[in-house]
Amino acid sequence: MEVFNIANNKTDLLINDKINVAEVLVIGPNGEQVGIKSITDALTLANYAQLDLVLISPNATVPVCKIMDYNKFKYEKNKKEKDALKKQRASQVEIKEFRLSPVIDVGDFETKLKNAKKYLEKGDKVKLSIRFKGRQMAHTELGQEVMERFADRVKDIATLASKPNMDGRVMTCMLVPIKK
């Protein structure tokens, strides 16, 4: 019965002296199949090449080891994982919310418009919301005008995905960037 050492980390592979099997199928540093060797012969081959002996497939009928630079292998593997994570993040579209007011001042309106344009150009969706307070509920059309004016000012880079609609005291609408 053969017993395998368990690596410290689940992603770590067993290397060099940590491999506890009698015979292994050895794959050379250039991918060529060297053949079935005893573990001592395989370690000698790896030392001669000044590389590591790495247990690639421990569950095969004859465990498979490859002669490689283990640190370089781990570095490239981590690099690939980070690149995949970056691509995954880049493909996710964020929703940025901007709160407006039915009686918003011109300066505040322009500032929020400028910031919203930045996000829309970057490819993010923008959600506009207006909360009505007290007597403002009697004049929800003022909030709708503000939203329509906002959407009209960004119509060259975004479209109105949903018309302004009321949900309790809050009116919301969504702007989606135009695909190029």
N, C-alpha and C. Protein backbone atom coordinates (compact mmCIF):
# COMPACT_ATOMS: atom_id res chain seq x y z
N MET A 1 0.85 -1.19 0.00
CA MET A 1 0.00 0.00 0.00
C MET A 1 0.88 1.24 0.00
N GLU A 2 0.59 2.16 -0.90
CA GLU A 2 1.38 3.39 -1.01
C GLU A 2 0.69 4.50 -0.25
N VAL A 3 1.47 5.32 0.44
CA VAL A 3 0.92 6.45 1.19
C VAL A 3 1.50 7.72 0.59
N PHE A 4 0.62 8.69 0.32
CA PHE A 4 1.08 9.97 -0.25
C PHE A 4 1.12 11.03 0.83
N ASN A 5 2.11 11.89 0.74
CA ASN A 5 2.16 13.08 1.58
C ASN A 5 1.11 14.06 1.09
N ILE A 6 0.47 14.72 1.99
CA ILE A 6 -0.49 15.74 1.58
C ILE A 6 0.21 17.08 1.63
N ALA A 7 0.08 17.84 0.54
CA ALA A 7 0.75 19.14 0.46
C ALA A 7 0.13 20.11 1.46
N ASN A 8 0.90 21.12 1.86
CA ASN A 8 0.43 22.11 2.83
C ASN A 8 -0.81 22.83 2.31
N ASN A 9 -0.73 23.28 1.09
CA ASN A 9 -1.83 24.01 0.47
C ASN A 9 -2.47 23.09 -0.56
N LYS A 10 -3.77 23.15 -0.74
CA LYS A 10 -4.44 22.26 -1.69
C LYS A 10 -3.94 22.45 -3.12
N THR A 11 -3.46 23.65 -3.44
CA THR A 11 -2.98 23.90 -4.80
C THR A 11 -1.51 23.53 -4.97
N ASP A 12 -0.80 23.33 -3.86
CA ASP A 12 0.62 22.97 -3.95
C ASP A 12 0.76 21.52 -4.41
N LEU A 13 1.78 21.29 -5.20
CA LEU A 13 2.09 19.94 -5.66
C LEU A 13 3.27 19.42 -4.86
N LEU A 14 3.38 18.11 -4.76
CA LEU A 14 4.52 17.53 -4.06
C LEU A 14 5.76 17.62 -4.94
N ILE A 15 6.89 17.99 -4.33
CA ILE A 15 8.13 18.13 -5.10
C ILE A 15 9.28 17.39 -4.41
N ASN A 16 10.24 17.01 -5.21
CA ASN A 16 11.50 16.40 -4.79
C ASN A 16 11.35 15.34 -3.70
N ASP A 17 11.91 15.57 -2.52
CA ASP A 17 11.96 14.58 -1.45
C ASP A 17 10.61 14.31 -0.80
N LYS A 18 9.62 15.11 -1.06
CA LYS A 18 8.29 14.93 -0.46
C LYS A 18 7.48 13.86 -1.19
N ILE A 19 7.96 13.39 -2.33
CA ILE A 19 7.26 12.37 -3.11
C ILE A 19 7.58 11.01 -2.51
N ASN A 20 6.55 10.29 -2.01
CA ASN A 20 6.75 8.99 -1.37
C ASN A 20 6.15 7.86 -2.19
N VAL A 21 6.70 7.59 -3.34
CA VAL A 21 6.28 6.45 -4.16
C VAL A 21 7.53 5.74 -4.65
N ALA A 22 7.36 4.48 -5.01
CA ALA A 22 8.52 3.70 -5.45
C ALA A 22 8.91 4.02 -6.89
N GLU A 23 7.93 4.02 -7.80
CA GLU A 23 8.20 4.26 -9.22
C GLU A 23 7.31 5.37 -9.75
N VAL A 24 7.85 6.12 -10.69
CA VAL A 24 7.09 7.20 -11.32
C VAL A 24 7.36 7.22 -12.82
N LEU A 25 6.38 7.73 -13.56
CA LEU A 25 6.56 7.98 -14.98
C LEU A 25 7.14 9.39 -15.08
N VAL A 26 8.33 9.50 -15.65
CA VAL A 26 9.02 10.79 -15.69
C VAL A 26 8.83 11.46 -17.04
N ILE A 27 8.47 12.74 -16.99
CA ILE A 27 8.37 13.58 -18.18
C ILE A 27 9.48 14.62 -18.08
N GLY A 28 10.26 14.74 -19.15
CA GLY A 28 11.42 15.63 -19.15
C GLY A 28 11.03 17.10 -19.16
N PRO A 29 12.02 17.99 -19.03
CA PRO A 29 11.74 19.44 -18.98
C PRO A 29 11.16 19.99 -20.27
N ASN A 30 11.38 19.32 -21.40
CA ASN A 30 10.84 19.80 -22.69
C ASN A 30 9.56 19.07 -23.08
N GLY A 31 8.99 18.28 -22.16
CA GLY A 31 7.74 17.58 -22.43
C GLY A 31 7.93 16.18 -22.99
N GLU A 32 9.17 15.73 -23.17
CA GLU A 32 9.39 14.39 -23.71
C GLU A 32 9.23 13.35 -22.59
N GLN A 33 8.72 12.20 -22.96
CA GLN A 33 8.48 11.13 -21.98
C GLN A 33 9.77 10.34 -21.80
N VAL A 34 10.31 10.37 -20.58
CA VAL A 34 11.57 9.68 -20.28
C VAL A 34 11.32 8.20 -19.99
N GLY A 35 10.21 7.89 -19.31
CA GLY A 35 9.86 6.50 -19.01
C GLY A 35 9.63 6.29 -17.53
N ILE A 36 9.36 5.03 -17.16
CA ILE A 36 9.12 4.71 -15.75
C ILE A 36 10.46 4.50 -15.07
N LYS A 37 10.69 5.25 -14.01
CA LYS A 37 11.97 5.21 -13.27
C LYS A 37 11.68 5.06 -11.79
N SER A 38 12.66 4.59 -11.05
CA SER A 38 12.53 4.59 -9.59
C SER A 38 12.64 6.05 -9.13
N ILE A 39 12.13 6.31 -7.94
CA ILE A 39 12.11 7.69 -7.44
C ILE A 39 13.53 8.24 -7.28
N THR A 40 14.48 7.40 -6.91
CA THR A 40 15.87 7.88 -6.75
C THR A 40 16.47 8.26 -8.10
N ASP A 41 16.18 7.45 -9.14
CA ASP A 41 16.69 7.78 -10.48
C ASP A 41 16.05 9.07 -11.00
N ALA A 42 14.76 9.23 -10.73
CA ALA A 42 14.05 10.43 -11.18
C ALA A 42 14.61 11.68 -10.49
N LEU A 43 14.89 11.56 -9.18
CA LEU A 43 15.47 12.69 -8.44
C LEU A 43 16.88 13.00 -8.95
N THR A 44 17.64 11.98 -9.31
CA THR A 44 18.99 12.18 -9.87
C THR A 44 18.91 12.92 -11.20
N LEU A 45 17.95 12.52 -12.06
CA LEU A 45 17.76 13.22 -13.34
C LEU A 45 17.41 14.69 -13.12
N ALA A 46 16.53 14.95 -12.15
CA ALA A 46 16.11 16.33 -11.87
C ALA A 46 17.29 17.14 -11.33
N ASN A 47 18.09 16.55 -10.44
CA ASN A 47 19.25 17.26 -9.90
C ASN A 47 20.28 17.54 -10.99
N TYR A 48 20.45 16.59 -11.90
CA TYR A 48 21.39 16.76 -13.00
C TYR A 48 20.97 17.95 -13.88
N ALA A 49 19.67 18.10 -14.08
CA ALA A 49 19.15 19.21 -14.90
C ALA A 49 19.03 20.50 -14.09
N GLN A 50 19.34 20.43 -12.79
CA GLN A 50 19.22 21.56 -11.86
C GLN A 50 17.79 22.11 -11.84
N LEU A 51 16.85 21.18 -11.83
CA LEU A 51 15.42 21.51 -11.77
C LEU A 51 14.76 20.68 -10.67
N ASP A 52 13.45 20.84 -10.50
CA ASP A 52 12.71 20.11 -9.48
C ASP A 52 11.93 18.96 -10.11
N LEU A 53 11.70 17.92 -9.32
CA LEU A 53 10.84 16.82 -9.72
C LEU A 53 9.48 17.08 -9.07
N VAL A 54 8.45 17.28 -9.90
CA VAL A 54 7.13 17.67 -9.40
C VAL A 54 6.13 16.56 -9.72
N LEU A 55 5.39 16.14 -8.69
CA LEU A 55 4.36 15.11 -8.85
C LEU A 55 3.11 15.76 -9.45
N ILE A 56 2.88 15.50 -10.73
CA ILE A 56 1.76 16.13 -11.46
C ILE A 56 0.47 15.36 -11.24
N SER A 57 0.51 14.04 -11.41
CA SER A 57 -0.70 13.22 -11.32
C SER A 57 -0.47 12.07 -10.33
N PRO A 58 -0.80 12.28 -9.05
CA PRO A 58 -0.53 11.24 -8.05
C PRO A 58 -1.50 10.07 -8.11
N ASN A 59 -2.68 10.25 -8.70
CA ASN A 59 -3.70 9.20 -8.69
C ASN A 59 -3.66 8.27 -9.90
N ALA A 60 -2.72 8.49 -10.81
CA ALA A 60 -2.60 7.62 -11.99
C ALA A 60 -2.09 6.25 -11.54
N THR A 61 -2.24 5.21 -12.41
CA THR A 61 -1.77 3.87 -12.04
C THR A 61 -0.28 3.89 -11.72
N VAL A 62 0.47 4.59 -12.56
CA VAL A 62 1.87 4.89 -12.24
C VAL A 62 1.92 6.41 -12.09
N PRO A 63 2.21 6.92 -10.88
CA PRO A 63 2.20 8.37 -10.68
C PRO A 63 3.13 9.08 -11.68
N VAL A 64 2.67 10.26 -12.16
CA VAL A 64 3.40 11.00 -13.19
C VAL A 64 4.13 12.17 -12.54
N CYS A 65 5.43 12.28 -12.83
CA CYS A 65 6.24 13.39 -12.35
C CYS A 65 6.85 14.12 -13.54
N LYS A 66 7.02 15.41 -13.39
CA LYS A 66 7.63 16.19 -14.45
C LYS A 66 8.84 16.93 -13.88
N ILE A 67 9.87 17.02 -14.69
CA ILE A 67 11.07 17.77 -14.31
C ILE A 67 10.87 19.20 -14.79
N MET A 68 10.81 20.14 -13.83
CA MET A 68 10.57 21.55 -14.18
C MET A 68 11.08 22.46 -13.08
N ASP A 69 11.11 23.76 -13.38
CA ASP A 69 11.43 24.77 -12.38
C ASP A 69 10.13 25.09 -11.65
N TYR A 70 9.98 24.58 -10.42
CA TYR A 70 8.72 24.68 -9.70
C TYR A 70 8.35 26.12 -9.36
N ASN A 71 9.33 26.93 -8.97
CA ASN A 71 9.04 28.34 -8.63
C ASN A 71 8.52 29.10 -9.85
N LYS A 72 9.12 28.84 -11.00
CA LYS A 72 8.67 29.49 -12.23
C LYS A 72 7.25 29.03 -12.58
N PHE A 73 6.99 27.74 -12.38
CA PHE A 73 5.66 27.18 -12.64
C PHE A 73 4.60 27.85 -11.75
N LYS A 74 4.91 27.98 -10.45
CA LYS A 74 3.96 28.62 -9.52
C LYS A 74 3.75 30.09 -9.88
N TYR A 75 4.81 30.79 -10.26
CA TYR A 75 4.73 32.20 -10.63
C TYR A 75 3.80 32.38 -11.85
N GLU A 76 4.02 31.56 -12.87
CA GLU A 76 3.20 31.67 -14.09
C GLU A 76 1.74 31.29 -13.82
N LYS A 77 1.54 30.32 -12.95
CA LYS A 77 0.18 29.91 -12.59
C LYS A 77 -0.55 31.05 -11.87
N ASN A 78 0.13 31.69 -10.91
CA ASN A 78 -0.47 32.83 -10.20
C ASN A 78 -0.75 33.98 -11.15
N LYS A 79 0.16 34.22 -12.09
CA LYS A 79 -0.01 35.29 -13.06
C LYS A 79 -1.26 35.05 -13.92
N LYS A 80 -1.44 33.80 -14.37
CA LYS A 80 -2.62 33.45 -15.17
C LYS A 80 -3.90 33.65 -14.38
N GLU A 81 -3.88 33.25 -13.10
CA GLU A 81 -5.07 33.42 -12.25
C GLU A 81 -5.42 34.89 -12.07
N LYS A 82 -4.39 35.73 -11.86
CA LYS A 82 -4.63 37.17 -11.70
C LYS A 82 -5.18 37.79 -12.98
N ASP A 83 -4.63 37.38 -14.13
CA ASP A 83 -5.13 37.89 -15.41
C ASP A 83 -6.58 37.49 -15.63
N ALA A 84 -6.91 36.25 -15.28
CA ALA A 84 -8.30 35.78 -15.43
C ALA A 84 -9.23 36.57 -14.53
N LEU A 85 -8.76 36.90 -13.32
CA LEU A 85 -9.56 37.68 -12.38
C LEU A 85 -9.76 39.10 -12.91
N LYS A 86 -8.71 39.69 -13.49
CA LYS A 86 -8.83 41.04 -14.07
C LYS A 86 -9.85 41.05 -15.20
N LYS A 87 -9.79 40.04 -16.07
CA LYS A 87 -10.72 39.98 -17.19
C LYS A 87 -12.14 39.79 -16.69
N GLN A 88 -12.29 39.02 -15.62
CA GLN A 88 -13.62 38.80 -15.06
C GLN A 88 -14.17 40.10 -14.49
N ARG A 89 -13.33 40.86 -13.79
CA ARG A 89 -13.77 42.15 -13.23
C ARG A 89 -14.10 43.14 -14.33
N ALA A 90 -13.32 43.13 -15.40
CA ALA A 90 -13.55 44.07 -16.49
C ALA A 90 -14.87 43.80 -17.19
N SER A 91 -15.30 42.54 -17.21
CA SER A 91 -16.54 42.22 -17.90
C SER A 91 -17.78 42.54 -17.05
N GLN A 92 -17.58 42.76 -15.76
CA GLN A 92 -18.72 43.09 -14.91
C GLN A 92 -19.06 44.56 -15.04
N VAL A 93 -20.35 44.84 -15.26
CA VAL A 93 -20.81 46.22 -15.38
C VAL A 93 -21.36 46.66 -14.03
N GLU A 94 -20.90 47.80 -13.58
CA GLU A 94 -21.38 48.32 -12.31
C GLU A 94 -22.53 49.29 -12.53
N ILE A 95 -23.34 49.44 -11.50
CA ILE A 95 -24.43 50.42 -11.53
C ILE A 95 -24.08 51.50 -10.53
N LYS A 96 -23.99 52.73 -11.01
CA LYS A 96 -23.70 53.88 -10.15
C LYS A 96 -24.99 54.66 -9.97
N GLU A 97 -25.27 55.02 -8.73
CA GLU A 97 -26.51 55.74 -8.46
C GLU A 97 -26.22 57.22 -8.18
N PHE A 98 -27.03 58.05 -8.79
CA PHE A 98 -26.95 59.49 -8.56
C PHE A 98 -28.30 59.96 -8.03
N ARG A 99 -28.27 60.63 -6.87
CA ARG A 99 -29.49 61.15 -6.27
C ARG A 99 -29.66 62.60 -6.67
N LEU A 100 -30.79 62.87 -7.24
CA LEU A 100 -31.13 64.22 -7.66
C LEU A 100 -32.25 64.74 -6.77
N SER A 101 -32.63 65.98 -6.98
CA SER A 101 -33.71 66.59 -6.24
C SER A 101 -34.64 67.27 -7.24
N PRO A 102 -35.95 67.35 -6.94
CA PRO A 102 -36.84 68.04 -7.88
C PRO A 102 -36.54 69.53 -7.99
N VAL A 103 -35.87 70.09 -6.99
CA VAL A 103 -35.51 71.51 -7.01
C VAL A 103 -33.99 71.68 -7.03
N ILE A 104 -33.31 70.85 -7.82
CA ILE A 104 -31.85 70.86 -7.88
C ILE A 104 -31.35 72.15 -8.53
N ASP A 105 -30.26 72.68 -8.00
CA ASP A 105 -29.67 73.91 -8.52
C ASP A 105 -28.86 73.59 -9.78
N VAL A 106 -28.61 74.58 -10.62
CA VAL A 106 -27.90 74.39 -11.89
C VAL A 106 -26.49 73.84 -11.66
N GLY A 107 -25.77 74.38 -10.69
CA GLY A 107 -24.40 73.94 -10.42
C GLY A 107 -24.34 72.49 -9.99
N ASP A 108 -25.26 72.10 -9.08
CA ASP A 108 -25.30 70.71 -8.62
C ASP A 108 -25.66 69.78 -9.77
N PHE A 109 -26.61 70.20 -10.59
CA PHE A 109 -27.04 69.41 -11.74
C PHE A 109 -25.86 69.17 -12.69
N GLU A 110 -25.10 70.23 -12.99
CA GLU A 110 -23.96 70.12 -13.91
C GLU A 110 -22.89 69.20 -13.35
N THR A 111 -22.63 69.30 -12.04
CA THR A 111 -21.62 68.45 -11.41
C THR A 111 -22.01 66.98 -11.49
N LYS A 112 -23.25 66.67 -11.15
CA LYS A 112 -23.72 65.28 -11.21
C LYS A 112 -23.74 64.78 -12.65
N LEU A 113 -24.08 65.65 -13.57
CA LEU A 113 -24.09 65.30 -15.00
C LEU A 113 -22.67 64.94 -15.46
N LYS A 114 -21.70 65.77 -15.07
CA LYS A 114 -20.30 65.53 -15.46
C LYS A 114 -19.80 64.19 -14.90
N ASN A 115 -20.11 63.91 -13.63
CA ASN A 115 -19.68 62.65 -13.02
C ASN A 115 -20.38 61.45 -13.65
N ALA A 116 -21.65 61.60 -13.95
CA ALA A 116 -22.39 60.51 -14.58
C ALA A 116 -21.83 60.21 -15.97
N LYS A 117 -21.45 61.25 -16.71
CA LYS A 117 -20.87 61.06 -18.04
C LYS A 117 -19.60 60.22 -17.96
N LYS A 118 -18.78 60.47 -16.94
CA LYS A 118 -17.54 59.70 -16.76
C LYS A 118 -17.84 58.21 -16.65
N TYR A 119 -18.82 57.89 -15.80
CA TYR A 119 -19.16 56.48 -15.60
C TYR A 119 -19.78 55.88 -16.86
N LEU A 120 -20.62 56.63 -17.55
CA LEU A 120 -21.25 56.12 -18.76
C LEU A 120 -20.21 55.86 -19.85
N GLU A 121 -19.22 56.74 -19.96
CA GLU A 121 -18.16 56.56 -20.96
C GLU A 121 -17.30 55.34 -20.62
N LYS A 122 -17.18 55.05 -19.32
CA LYS A 122 -16.41 53.89 -18.88
C LYS A 122 -17.17 52.58 -19.13
N GLY A 123 -18.50 52.70 -19.36
CA GLY A 123 -19.29 51.52 -19.66
C GLY A 123 -20.21 51.08 -18.54
N ASP A 124 -20.26 51.85 -17.46
CA ASP A 124 -21.13 51.51 -16.34
C ASP A 124 -22.54 52.04 -16.57
N LYS A 125 -23.52 51.39 -15.93
CA LYS A 125 -24.89 51.88 -15.97
C LYS A 125 -25.06 52.94 -14.89
N VAL A 126 -25.98 53.86 -15.11
CA VAL A 126 -26.23 54.91 -14.13
C VAL A 126 -27.71 54.88 -13.75
N LYS A 127 -27.95 54.86 -12.44
CA LYS A 127 -29.32 54.88 -11.93
C LYS A 127 -29.57 56.27 -11.33
N LEU A 128 -30.61 56.92 -11.79
CA LEU A 128 -30.99 58.23 -11.26
C LEU A 128 -32.14 58.03 -10.29
N SER A 129 -32.08 58.70 -9.15
CA SER A 129 -33.18 58.60 -8.20
C SER A 129 -33.48 59.96 -7.60
N ILE A 130 -34.76 60.20 -7.37
CA ILE A 130 -35.21 61.44 -6.73
C ILE A 130 -36.13 61.05 -5.60
N ARG A 131 -35.82 61.51 -4.37
CA ARG A 131 -36.69 61.26 -3.22
C ARG A 131 -37.50 62.53 -2.98
N PHE A 132 -38.80 62.34 -2.95
CA PHE A 132 -39.72 63.46 -2.72
C PHE A 132 -40.03 63.58 -1.23
N LYS A 133 -39.95 64.81 -0.72
CA LYS A 133 -40.19 65.05 0.70
C LYS A 133 -41.42 65.94 0.86
N GLY A 134 -42.24 65.60 1.83
CA GLY A 134 -43.38 66.45 2.20
C GLY A 134 -44.27 66.85 1.05
N ARG A 135 -44.40 68.15 0.83
CA ARG A 135 -45.31 68.69 -0.19
C ARG A 135 -44.81 68.47 -1.62
N GLN A 136 -43.56 68.05 -1.76
CA GLN A 136 -43.03 67.78 -3.11
C GLN A 136 -43.80 66.63 -3.78
N MET A 137 -44.43 65.78 -2.98
CA MET A 137 -45.19 64.65 -3.54
C MET A 137 -46.35 65.14 -4.42
N ALA A 138 -46.79 66.36 -4.20
CA ALA A 138 -47.89 66.90 -5.00
C ALA A 138 -47.41 67.28 -6.41
N HIS A 139 -46.10 67.43 -6.57
CA HIS A 139 -45.56 67.87 -7.87
C HIS A 139 -44.47 66.91 -8.35
N THR A 140 -44.83 65.65 -8.54
CA THR A 140 -43.86 64.66 -9.02
C THR A 140 -43.44 64.94 -10.45
N GLU A 141 -44.24 65.73 -11.18
CA GLU A 141 -43.87 66.06 -12.56
C GLU A 141 -42.58 66.88 -12.62
N LEU A 142 -42.27 67.64 -11.55
CA LEU A 142 -41.01 68.40 -11.50
C LEU A 142 -39.81 67.43 -11.48
N GLY A 143 -39.93 66.36 -10.72
CA GLY A 143 -38.86 65.36 -10.67
C GLY A 143 -38.71 64.66 -12.02
N GLN A 144 -39.83 64.39 -12.66
CA GLN A 144 -39.78 63.73 -13.97
C GLN A 144 -39.11 64.64 -14.99
N GLU A 145 -39.37 65.94 -14.92
CA GLU A 145 -38.72 66.89 -15.83
C GLU A 145 -37.21 66.91 -15.62
N VAL A 146 -36.79 66.88 -14.34
CA VAL A 146 -35.35 66.87 -14.04
C VAL A 146 -34.69 65.63 -14.64
N MET A 147 -35.32 64.48 -14.48
CA MET A 147 -34.75 63.24 -15.03
C MET A 147 -34.71 63.27 -16.56
N GLU A 148 -35.76 63.75 -17.17
CA GLU A 148 -35.80 63.81 -18.64
C GLU A 148 -34.75 64.79 -19.16
N ARG A 149 -34.55 65.90 -18.45
CA ARG A 149 -33.51 66.87 -18.84
C ARG A 149 -32.12 66.23 -18.72
N PHE A 150 -31.91 65.45 -17.64
CA PHE A 150 -30.64 64.74 -17.43
C PHE A 150 -30.40 63.75 -18.57
N ALA A 151 -31.42 62.95 -18.90
CA ALA A 151 -31.30 61.95 -19.97
C ALA A 151 -31.07 62.62 -21.31
N ASP A 152 -31.69 63.78 -21.52
CA ASP A 152 -31.52 64.50 -22.78
C ASP A 152 -30.09 65.01 -22.94
N ARG A 153 -29.46 65.39 -21.83
CA ARG A 153 -28.09 65.92 -21.89
C ARG A 153 -27.05 64.83 -22.14
N VAL A 154 -27.38 63.56 -21.87
CA VAL A 154 -26.42 62.47 -22.10
C VAL A 154 -26.87 61.55 -23.23
N LYS A 155 -27.81 62.00 -24.05
CA LYS A 155 -28.37 61.13 -25.10
C LYS A 155 -27.34 60.72 -26.15
N ASP A 156 -26.23 61.46 -26.27
CA ASP A 156 -25.19 61.08 -27.24
C ASP A 156 -24.37 59.89 -26.77
N ILE A 157 -24.33 59.61 -25.45
CA ILE A 157 -23.53 58.49 -24.94
C ILE A 157 -24.37 57.45 -24.21
N ALA A 158 -25.66 57.75 -23.93
CA ALA A 158 -26.50 56.80 -23.18
C ALA A 158 -27.95 56.87 -23.63
N THR A 159 -28.64 55.78 -23.38
CA THR A 159 -30.08 55.74 -23.66
C THR A 159 -30.82 55.48 -22.36
N LEU A 160 -32.06 55.87 -22.34
CA LEU A 160 -32.91 55.68 -21.18
C LEU A 160 -33.44 54.24 -21.22
N ALA A 161 -32.97 53.40 -20.32
CA ALA A 161 -33.38 51.99 -20.32
C ALA A 161 -34.79 51.84 -19.77
N SER A 162 -35.13 52.64 -18.78
CA SER A 162 -36.48 52.58 -18.23
C SER A 162 -36.97 54.00 -17.98
N LYS A 163 -38.21 54.23 -18.29
CA LYS A 163 -38.81 55.55 -18.07
C LYS A 163 -38.85 55.82 -16.57
N PRO A 164 -38.86 57.09 -16.15
CA PRO A 164 -38.96 57.40 -14.73
C PRO A 164 -40.25 56.81 -14.15
N ASN A 165 -40.11 56.03 -13.08
CA ASN A 165 -41.29 55.46 -12.43
C ASN A 165 -41.22 55.65 -10.93
N MET A 166 -42.38 55.78 -10.30
CA MET A 166 -42.48 56.03 -8.87
C MET A 166 -42.54 54.71 -8.10
N ASP A 167 -41.83 54.69 -6.98
CA ASP A 167 -41.89 53.57 -6.05
C ASP A 167 -41.97 54.18 -4.66
N GLY A 168 -43.19 54.37 -4.16
CA GLY A 168 -43.37 55.06 -2.88
C GLY A 168 -43.06 56.53 -3.05
N ARG A 169 -42.09 57.04 -2.32
CA ARG A 169 -41.68 58.45 -2.41
C ARG A 169 -40.48 58.65 -3.33
N VAL A 170 -40.00 57.57 -3.97
CA VAL A 170 -38.79 57.65 -4.78
C VAL A 170 -39.11 57.41 -6.26
N MET A 171 -38.59 58.27 -7.10
CA MET A 171 -38.71 58.11 -8.56
C MET A 171 -37.35 57.69 -9.08
N THR A 172 -37.31 56.62 -9.89
CA THR A 172 -36.03 56.13 -10.41
C THR A 172 -36.12 55.92 -11.91
N CYS A 173 -34.95 55.98 -12.55
CA CYS A 173 -34.81 55.60 -13.96
C CYS A 173 -33.38 55.14 -14.18
N MET A 174 -33.17 54.39 -15.26
CA MET A 174 -31.86 53.81 -15.53
C MET A 174 -31.33 54.30 -16.88
N LEU A 175 -30.05 54.69 -16.88
CA LEU A 175 -29.37 55.09 -18.13
C LEU A 175 -28.34 54.02 -18.45
N VAL A 176 -28.35 53.57 -19.71
CA VAL A 176 -27.43 52.52 -20.17
C VAL A 176 -26.54 53.11 -21.26
N PRO A 177 -25.21 52.88 -21.18
CA PRO A 177 -24.33 53.42 -22.21
C PRO A 177 -24.61 52.81 -23.57
N ILE A 178 -24.43 53.60 -24.61
CA ILE A 178 -24.62 53.13 -25.99
C ILE A 178 -23.40 52.33 -26.39
N LYS A 179 -23.62 51.13 -26.92
CA LYS A 179 -22.50 50.29 -27.38
C LYS A 179 -21.90 50.88 -28.63
N LYS A 180 -20.56 50.85 -28.69
CA LYS A 180 -19.88 51.41 -29.85
C LYS A 180 -19.51 50.33 -30.82
